[in-house]
Amino acid sequence: MNSSMNSAINAEALIQLEQRLTEEARPFAVTTVIRALPPTSTWVGAQAVVENDGTLHGWIGGGCSRAIVVQAAQESMRSGQPKLIRISNSEIAPESGVEHHAMPCASNGTIELFIQPSVPAPAVLILGSTPAALEACVLAQRMGLRVHAAASVTEPFAPLGIPRVIQGFDADALRLLRPQLILVATQGDSDEEALEAALRTSAAAVLLIASQRKSDQLRDTMRARGITEERLAALHAPAGPRIHARTPQEIALGAVAGLVMLRRMLEQAAADTPDQHAAGADVLPVLPAVPPCESMASVEPPARYVNPVCGMSIDIASAKHVVEAGGQRVYFCCDSCKLEFERAPDKYLAIVEDRRQREVV
């Protein structure tokens, strides 16, 4: 009776611990004894919670099996896959899916345990309040990612259920969120400030929604602002795989597909290098580039205008940066492109004319 009462108390405490670790986005594994043959000090249904650092809470048997269970739980957390383990010296035929360990105790009892890991999804930070950024927030949450956001204007995020939204692009504030992946979807609204802040975090990858030309220009700007080549290696631009995106929804879909791919790459890297990632997610690998989206200049419908400086498609109705030159209106995604145009208007007007001639043909 006392054993039953202690078990109930322990079970309640373990549930509270699981809730706290989940809220804190910390990995853990629940281990449950599903078979116990005497002599053994545990019983069927006994449970323990193993934290990422190997701390064990609860009871799954004596010290003989503890080290084996902790190691198996940590391996399960790294792989994200459940485990079924048997600790025994008995002559038992091997079973598919059951990981066998020798019982180190002289008593030679048998214990079988099921280990279920709980690994938090990567923290994803989305920068910008553009239609593509807002759509990416929705899609990323549906993919099970932990989404935070930062933007110059935060009101549009109110109905999206984002747990943390930061005003502006302060690098110190962004670092406090410890994002593993960042998507820059500002698309002309403070691109340089947002991208610099993103690259000054330790995120494993920074995805940028932009054309190839605009991406190259921003890379040069980042170098001028003191961003190292090591951090620029984390920049994935343009963002996501090629899906011939046209609308903000489609652009967001491609970018979130890139986030999903990079998430799985992070998980694989953690499984392949357990010693590096055993302490948590502070040390993140630089992830190789995924196939980029094509320049939106090649697929946008004629109703939109292609920025001659960076190749980004502009919604004429909402364009903030416009110049009258050569008897026509030239539209830009951001002020830096407008300034670049004004430094060499003939060069970029020639690009506009060449594109017009190709469209006619």
Protein backbone atom coordinates (compact mmCIF):
# COMPACT_ATOMS: atom_id res chain seq x y z
CA MET A 1 0.00 0.00 0.00
CA ASN A 2 2.81 2.36 0.83
CA SER A 3 4.49 1.46 -2.45
CA SER A 4 1.26 2.22 -4.33
CA MET A 5 0.86 5.54 -2.53
CA ASN A 6 4.46 6.55 -3.29
CA SER A 7 3.96 5.56 -6.91
CA ALA A 8 0.89 7.81 -7.19
CA ILE A 9 2.78 10.73 -5.63
CA ASN A 10 5.71 10.18 -7.98
CA ALA A 11 3.41 9.98 -10.99
CA GLU A 12 1.86 13.35 -10.13
CA ALA A 13 5.28 14.92 -9.68
CA LEU A 14 6.47 13.48 -12.99
CA ILE A 15 3.45 14.89 -14.83
CA GLN A 16 4.20 18.34 -13.43
CA LEU A 17 7.84 17.98 -14.44
CA GLU A 18 6.87 16.99 -17.98
CA GLN A 19 4.61 20.05 -18.23
CA ARG A 20 7.39 22.35 -17.03
CA LEU A 21 9.98 20.90 -19.41
CA THR A 22 7.50 21.17 -22.28
CA GLU A 23 6.77 24.83 -21.46
CA GLU A 24 10.50 25.54 -21.30
CA ALA A 25 11.02 23.77 -24.65
CA ARG A 26 13.56 21.38 -23.13
CA PRO A 27 13.95 17.80 -24.42
CA PHE A 28 13.19 14.85 -22.16
CA ALA A 29 12.23 11.20 -22.36
CA VAL A 30 9.62 9.24 -20.42
CA THR A 31 10.73 5.70 -19.57
CA THR A 32 8.12 3.11 -18.58
CA VAL A 33 8.75 -0.38 -17.27
CA ILE A 34 6.60 -2.76 -19.34
CA ARG A 35 8.03 -6.04 -18.04
CA ALA A 36 9.82 -6.98 -14.82
CA LEU A 37 10.91 -10.52 -13.94
CA PRO A 38 12.28 -11.17 -10.45
CA PRO A 39 14.57 -10.65 -8.78
CA THR A 40 14.18 -6.90 -9.47
CA SER A 41 13.30 -3.84 -7.40
CA THR A 42 10.95 -2.31 -9.98
CA TRP A 43 7.46 -3.17 -11.23
CA VAL A 44 5.41 -2.95 -14.40
CA GLY A 45 4.20 0.62 -14.88
CA ALA A 46 7.05 2.25 -12.96
CA GLN A 47 8.13 5.46 -14.70
CA ALA A 48 10.94 7.98 -14.79
CA VAL A 49 11.68 11.17 -16.69
CA VAL A 50 15.19 11.60 -18.07
CA GLU A 51 16.35 15.12 -18.91
CA ASN A 52 18.71 15.96 -21.74
CA ASP A 53 21.71 16.17 -19.38
CA GLY A 54 21.02 12.68 -18.00
CA THR A 55 19.24 13.67 -14.80
CA LEU A 56 16.70 10.95 -13.93
CA HIS A 57 13.53 11.66 -11.95
CA GLY A 58 11.37 8.76 -10.75
CA TRP A 59 12.07 5.06 -10.45
CA ILE A 60 12.83 2.36 -13.00
CA GLY A 61 14.91 0.05 -10.83
CA GLY A 62 18.18 0.00 -8.91
CA GLY A 63 21.52 1.49 -9.81
CA CYS A 64 22.42 -1.51 -11.97
CA SER A 65 20.04 -0.50 -14.75
CA ARG A 66 20.08 3.27 -14.24
CA ALA A 67 23.12 4.05 -16.40
CA ILE A 68 21.80 1.88 -19.24
CA VAL A 69 18.38 3.57 -19.17
CA VAL A 70 19.86 7.08 -19.07
CA GLN A 71 22.13 6.38 -22.04
CA ALA A 72 19.30 4.84 -24.05
CA ALA A 73 17.02 7.79 -23.22
CA GLN A 74 19.64 10.30 -24.37
CA GLU A 75 20.10 8.39 -27.62
CA SER A 76 16.34 8.40 -28.09
CA MET A 77 16.20 12.17 -27.58
CA ARG A 78 18.97 12.73 -30.10
CA SER A 79 17.29 10.60 -32.76
CA GLY A 80 13.76 11.69 -31.87
CA GLN A 81 12.65 8.05 -32.09
CA PRO A 82 11.19 5.85 -29.31
CA LYS A 83 13.07 2.80 -28.07
CA LEU A 84 12.18 -0.59 -26.61
CA ILE A 85 15.04 -1.97 -24.52
CA ARG A 86 15.59 -5.18 -22.58
CA ILE A 87 18.10 -5.49 -19.73
CA SER A 88 18.68 -9.17 -19.02
CA ASN A 89 21.21 -11.99 -18.88
CA SER A 90 18.59 -14.64 -19.67
CA GLU A 91 18.80 -16.71 -22.83
CA ILE A 92 16.05 -14.96 -24.83
CA ALA A 93 15.78 -15.08 -28.60
CA PRO A 94 16.49 -11.66 -30.20
CA GLU A 95 13.39 -9.72 -31.23
CA SER A 96 13.15 -7.16 -33.99
CA GLY A 97 12.90 -3.66 -32.59
CA VAL A 98 14.12 -4.62 -29.11
CA GLU A 99 17.52 -3.29 -28.05
CA HIS A 100 19.23 -5.78 -25.76
CA HIS A 101 21.59 -4.91 -22.89
CA ALA A 102 23.31 -7.23 -20.43
CA MET A 103 22.11 -6.93 -16.83
CA PRO A 104 25.11 -5.74 -14.78
CA CYS A 105 23.56 -6.80 -11.44
CA ALA A 106 24.47 -10.14 -9.90
CA SER A 107 20.77 -10.78 -9.27
CA ASN A 108 20.22 -11.39 -13.02
CA GLY A 109 16.67 -10.04 -13.11
CA THR A 110 15.01 -8.93 -16.35
CA ILE A 111 13.59 -5.48 -17.12
CA GLU A 112 12.00 -4.26 -20.33
CA LEU A 113 11.30 -0.56 -20.82
CA PHE A 114 9.63 1.64 -23.41
CA ILE A 115 11.34 5.01 -23.93
CA GLN A 116 9.32 7.84 -25.48
CA PRO A 117 11.29 11.02 -26.28
CA SER A 118 9.80 14.50 -26.27
CA VAL A 119 11.94 16.79 -28.38
CA PRO A 120 10.81 20.41 -28.85
CA ALA A 121 10.57 21.68 -32.39
CA PRO A 122 13.23 24.23 -33.40
CA ALA A 123 12.55 27.85 -32.50
CA VAL A 124 11.87 29.76 -35.72
CA LEU A 125 11.99 33.54 -35.87
CA ILE A 126 10.18 35.29 -38.73
CA LEU A 127 11.15 38.89 -39.45
CA GLY A 128 8.78 41.29 -41.17
CA SER A 129 5.06 41.95 -41.34
CA THR A 130 4.61 41.56 -45.10
CA PRO A 131 1.84 39.30 -46.44
CA ALA A 132 4.43 36.60 -47.09
CA ALA A 133 5.77 36.92 -43.52
CA LEU A 134 2.30 36.63 -41.98
CA GLU A 135 1.44 33.63 -44.17
CA ALA A 136 4.76 32.02 -43.24
CA CYS A 137 3.89 32.40 -39.54
CA VAL A 138 0.65 30.50 -40.08
CA LEU A 139 2.21 27.75 -42.19
CA ALA A 140 5.22 27.29 -39.90
CA GLN A 141 2.96 26.83 -36.89
CA ARG A 142 0.93 24.26 -38.78
CA MET A 143 4.19 22.40 -39.44
CA GLY A 144 4.72 22.16 -35.69
CA LEU A 145 7.51 24.72 -35.47
CA ARG A 146 7.82 27.07 -32.48
CA VAL A 147 7.31 30.45 -34.14
CA HIS A 148 8.28 33.90 -32.87
CA ALA A 149 8.25 37.11 -34.87
CA ALA A 150 9.79 40.57 -35.05
CA ALA A 151 8.72 43.50 -37.20
CA SER A 152 8.59 47.27 -37.40
CA VAL A 153 4.80 47.01 -37.15
CA THR A 154 3.48 44.28 -34.82
CA GLU A 155 -0.31 44.78 -34.97
CA PRO A 156 -0.86 42.30 -37.86
CA PHE A 157 0.42 39.44 -35.69
CA ALA A 158 -2.34 39.82 -33.06
CA PRO A 159 -4.73 37.22 -34.56
CA LEU A 160 -2.02 34.67 -35.38
CA GLY A 161 -1.38 33.30 -31.89
CA ILE A 162 2.38 33.99 -31.96
CA PRO A 163 3.67 33.63 -28.37
CA ARG A 164 6.36 36.30 -28.69
CA VAL A 165 6.42 39.27 -31.07
CA ILE A 166 9.22 41.85 -30.82
CA GLN A 167 8.99 45.44 -32.00
CA GLY A 168 11.91 46.27 -34.28
CA PHE A 169 15.08 44.40 -35.15
CA ASP A 170 17.35 44.67 -32.15
CA ALA A 171 19.98 41.92 -32.30
CA ASP A 172 20.21 41.58 -28.51
CA ALA A 173 16.44 41.11 -28.23
CA LEU A 174 16.44 38.52 -31.01
CA ARG A 175 19.28 36.57 -29.39
CA LEU A 176 17.23 36.18 -26.20
CA LEU A 177 14.75 34.06 -28.19
CA ARG A 178 17.58 31.63 -29.08
CA PRO A 179 16.22 30.98 -32.59
CA GLN A 180 17.61 28.00 -34.43
CA LEU A 181 16.22 29.13 -37.78
CA ILE A 182 15.35 32.65 -38.98
CA LEU A 183 13.28 33.68 -41.98
CA VAL A 184 13.76 37.28 -43.17
CA ALA A 185 10.59 38.24 -45.01
CA THR A 186 10.80 42.03 -44.83
CA GLN A 187 10.82 42.41 -48.65
CA GLY A 188 11.93 46.02 -48.80
CA ASP A 189 10.97 47.21 -45.32
CA SER A 190 14.24 47.56 -43.35
CA ASP A 191 15.89 44.64 -45.15
CA GLU A 192 19.41 45.59 -44.11
CA GLU A 193 18.59 46.10 -40.44
CA ALA A 194 16.60 42.87 -40.21
CA LEU A 195 19.19 40.76 -42.00
CA GLU A 196 22.08 42.15 -39.96
CA ALA A 197 20.24 41.48 -36.69
CA ALA A 198 19.45 37.94 -37.85
CA LEU A 199 23.06 37.20 -38.76
CA ARG A 200 24.28 38.52 -35.41
CA THR A 201 22.38 35.73 -33.66
CA SER A 202 23.72 32.16 -33.45
CA ALA A 203 20.94 30.75 -35.66
CA ALA A 204 22.07 27.75 -37.70
CA ALA A 205 20.44 29.17 -40.83
CA VAL A 206 19.03 32.52 -41.94
CA LEU A 207 16.65 32.33 -44.91
CA LEU A 208 16.00 35.45 -46.97
CA ILE A 209 13.03 36.02 -49.26
CA ALA A 210 14.55 37.99 -52.12
CA SER A 211 15.67 37.60 -55.72
CA GLN A 212 19.19 36.39 -56.46
CA ARG A 213 20.31 39.87 -57.44
CA LYS A 214 18.89 41.44 -54.30
CA SER A 215 20.42 38.66 -52.19
CA ASP A 216 23.86 39.29 -53.66
CA GLN A 217 23.51 43.02 -53.02
CA LEU A 218 22.53 42.42 -49.40
CA ARG A 219 25.47 40.06 -48.91
CA ASP A 220 27.79 42.87 -49.94
CA THR A 221 25.99 45.23 -47.58
CA MET A 222 26.40 42.76 -44.72
CA ARG A 223 30.15 42.50 -45.38
CA ALA A 224 30.37 46.29 -45.28
CA ARG A 225 28.57 46.20 -41.91
CA GLY A 226 31.12 43.82 -40.45
CA ILE A 227 29.36 40.47 -40.80
CA THR A 228 31.99 37.75 -41.11
CA GLU A 229 32.16 35.21 -43.92
CA GLU A 230 31.54 32.50 -41.33
CA ARG A 231 28.15 33.98 -40.48
CA LEU A 232 27.37 34.73 -44.13
CA ALA A 233 27.76 31.00 -44.73
CA ALA A 234 24.57 30.58 -42.67
CA LEU A 235 22.61 32.78 -45.12
CA HIS A 236 20.27 30.90 -47.45
CA ALA A 237 19.15 33.30 -50.14
CA PRO A 238 16.89 33.16 -51.98
CA ALA A 239 14.85 31.16 -49.47
CA GLY A 240 13.42 27.71 -50.04
CA PRO A 241 13.21 25.29 -52.97
CA ARG A 242 12.06 26.18 -56.47
CA ILE A 243 8.27 26.01 -56.65
CA HIS A 244 7.60 28.78 -59.23
CA ALA A 245 6.04 30.97 -56.53
CA ARG A 246 4.00 33.99 -57.59
CA THR A 247 1.66 35.04 -54.78
CA PRO A 248 2.67 35.90 -51.20
CA GLN A 249 1.05 32.64 -50.10
CA GLU A 250 3.12 30.63 -52.56
CA ILE A 251 6.29 32.50 -51.65
CA ALA A 252 5.63 31.74 -47.97
CA LEU A 253 5.00 28.09 -48.83
CA GLY A 254 8.39 27.81 -50.53
CA ALA A 255 10.15 29.51 -47.62
CA VAL A 256 8.47 27.29 -45.01
CA ALA A 257 9.39 24.24 -47.09
CA GLY A 258 12.98 25.43 -46.69
CA LEU A 259 12.47 25.72 -42.92
CA VAL A 260 11.12 22.17 -42.74
CA MET A 261 14.07 20.82 -44.73
CA LEU A 262 16.57 22.65 -42.50
CA ARG A 263 14.77 21.42 -39.39
CA ARG A 264 15.33 17.82 -40.46
CA MET A 265 18.95 18.60 -41.26
CA LEU A 266 19.40 20.00 -37.75
CA GLU A 267 17.91 16.83 -36.27
CA GLN A 268 20.19 14.66 -38.38
CA ALA A 269 23.22 16.71 -37.39
CA ALA A 270 22.30 16.28 -33.72
CA ALA A 271 21.96 12.52 -34.18
CA ASP A 272 25.28 12.28 -36.06
CA THR A 273 27.28 14.35 -33.56
CA PRO A 274 25.86 13.41 -30.14
CA ASP A 275 28.79 14.75 -28.10
CA GLN A 276 28.48 18.20 -29.65
CA HIS A 277 24.73 18.44 -29.00
CA ALA A 278 24.41 16.60 -25.71
CA ALA A 279 24.29 19.82 -23.68
CA GLY A 280 21.43 21.35 -25.66
CA ALA A 281 20.90 23.59 -28.67
CA ASP A 282 23.46 26.32 -27.92
CA VAL A 283 26.01 24.92 -30.39
CA LEU A 284 24.43 24.82 -33.83
CA PRO A 285 26.00 23.63 -37.08
CA VAL A 286 26.11 25.80 -40.18
CA LEU A 287 23.71 24.03 -42.52
CA PRO A 288 24.46 23.61 -46.24
CA ALA A 289 22.34 25.53 -48.70
CA VAL A 290 19.14 24.04 -50.04
CA PRO A 291 18.11 24.56 -53.70
CA PRO A 292 16.97 28.20 -53.90
CA CYS A 293 13.74 29.63 -55.23
CA GLU A 294 13.98 31.13 -58.66
CA SER A 295 14.03 34.88 -59.08
CA MET A 296 10.49 36.11 -58.90
CA ALA A 297 11.26 38.30 -61.92
CA SER A 298 10.92 35.29 -64.19
CA VAL A 299 7.52 34.12 -63.04
CA GLU A 300 5.49 37.12 -61.90
CA PRO A 301 2.43 38.09 -63.93
CA PRO A 302 2.65 41.24 -66.09
CA ALA A 303 0.48 43.20 -63.66
CA ARG A 304 3.52 43.53 -61.41
CA TYR A 305 6.70 45.56 -61.98
CA VAL A 306 10.21 44.08 -61.82
CA ASN A 307 12.71 46.17 -59.89
CA PRO A 308 15.62 46.72 -62.36
CA VAL A 309 18.21 46.87 -59.56
CA CYS A 310 17.59 43.62 -57.68
CA GLY A 311 15.06 41.81 -59.87
CA MET A 312 12.35 41.65 -57.20
CA SER A 313 8.73 41.88 -58.29
CA ILE A 314 6.94 44.98 -57.00
CA ASP A 315 3.24 45.48 -56.34
CA ILE A 316 2.76 48.80 -58.13
CA ALA A 317 -0.30 49.72 -56.07
CA SER A 318 1.62 49.58 -52.79
CA ALA A 319 5.11 50.57 -53.94
CA LYS A 320 6.74 53.05 -51.53
CA HIS A 321 9.80 53.90 -53.62
CA VAL A 322 9.19 55.41 -57.08
CA VAL A 323 11.36 57.50 -59.42
CA GLU A 324 10.39 59.38 -62.62
CA ALA A 325 13.16 58.77 -65.16
CA GLY A 326 13.43 58.50 -68.93
CA GLY A 327 9.78 59.41 -69.36
CA GLN A 328 8.55 56.51 -67.18
CA ARG A 329 7.96 55.54 -63.57
CA VAL A 330 10.45 53.11 -62.06
CA TYR A 331 9.43 51.19 -58.93
CA PHE A 332 11.72 49.80 -56.20
CA CYS A 333 11.34 47.40 -53.29
CA CYS A 334 13.41 49.51 -50.89
CA ASP A 335 15.27 52.75 -50.50
CA SER A 336 18.69 51.17 -51.09
CA CYS A 337 17.63 49.99 -54.57
CA LYS A 338 16.27 53.47 -55.32
CA LEU A 339 19.58 55.05 -54.31
CA GLU A 340 21.51 52.55 -56.40
CA PHE A 341 19.32 53.40 -59.41
CA GLU A 342 19.91 57.14 -58.93
CA ARG A 343 23.67 56.55 -58.99
CA ALA A 344 23.49 54.97 -62.47
CA PRO A 345 20.04 55.58 -64.01
CA ASP A 346 21.13 54.90 -67.61
CA LYS A 347 22.42 51.45 -66.67
CA TYR A 348 19.16 50.38 -65.05
CA LEU A 349 16.90 52.04 -67.63
CA ALA A 350 18.71 49.90 -70.20
CA ILE A 351 17.79 46.83 -68.13
CA VAL A 352 14.14 47.97 -68.08
CA GLU A 353 14.16 48.46 -71.87
CA ASP A 354 15.87 45.12 -72.49
CA ARG A 355 13.29 43.32 -70.38
CA ARG A 356 10.46 45.10 -72.20
CA GLN A 357 11.88 44.04 -75.60
CA ARG A 358 12.16 40.41 -74.48
CA GLU A 359 8.54 40.45 -73.27
CA VAL A 360 7.39 41.75 -76.65
CA VAL A 361 9.28 38.99 -78.43
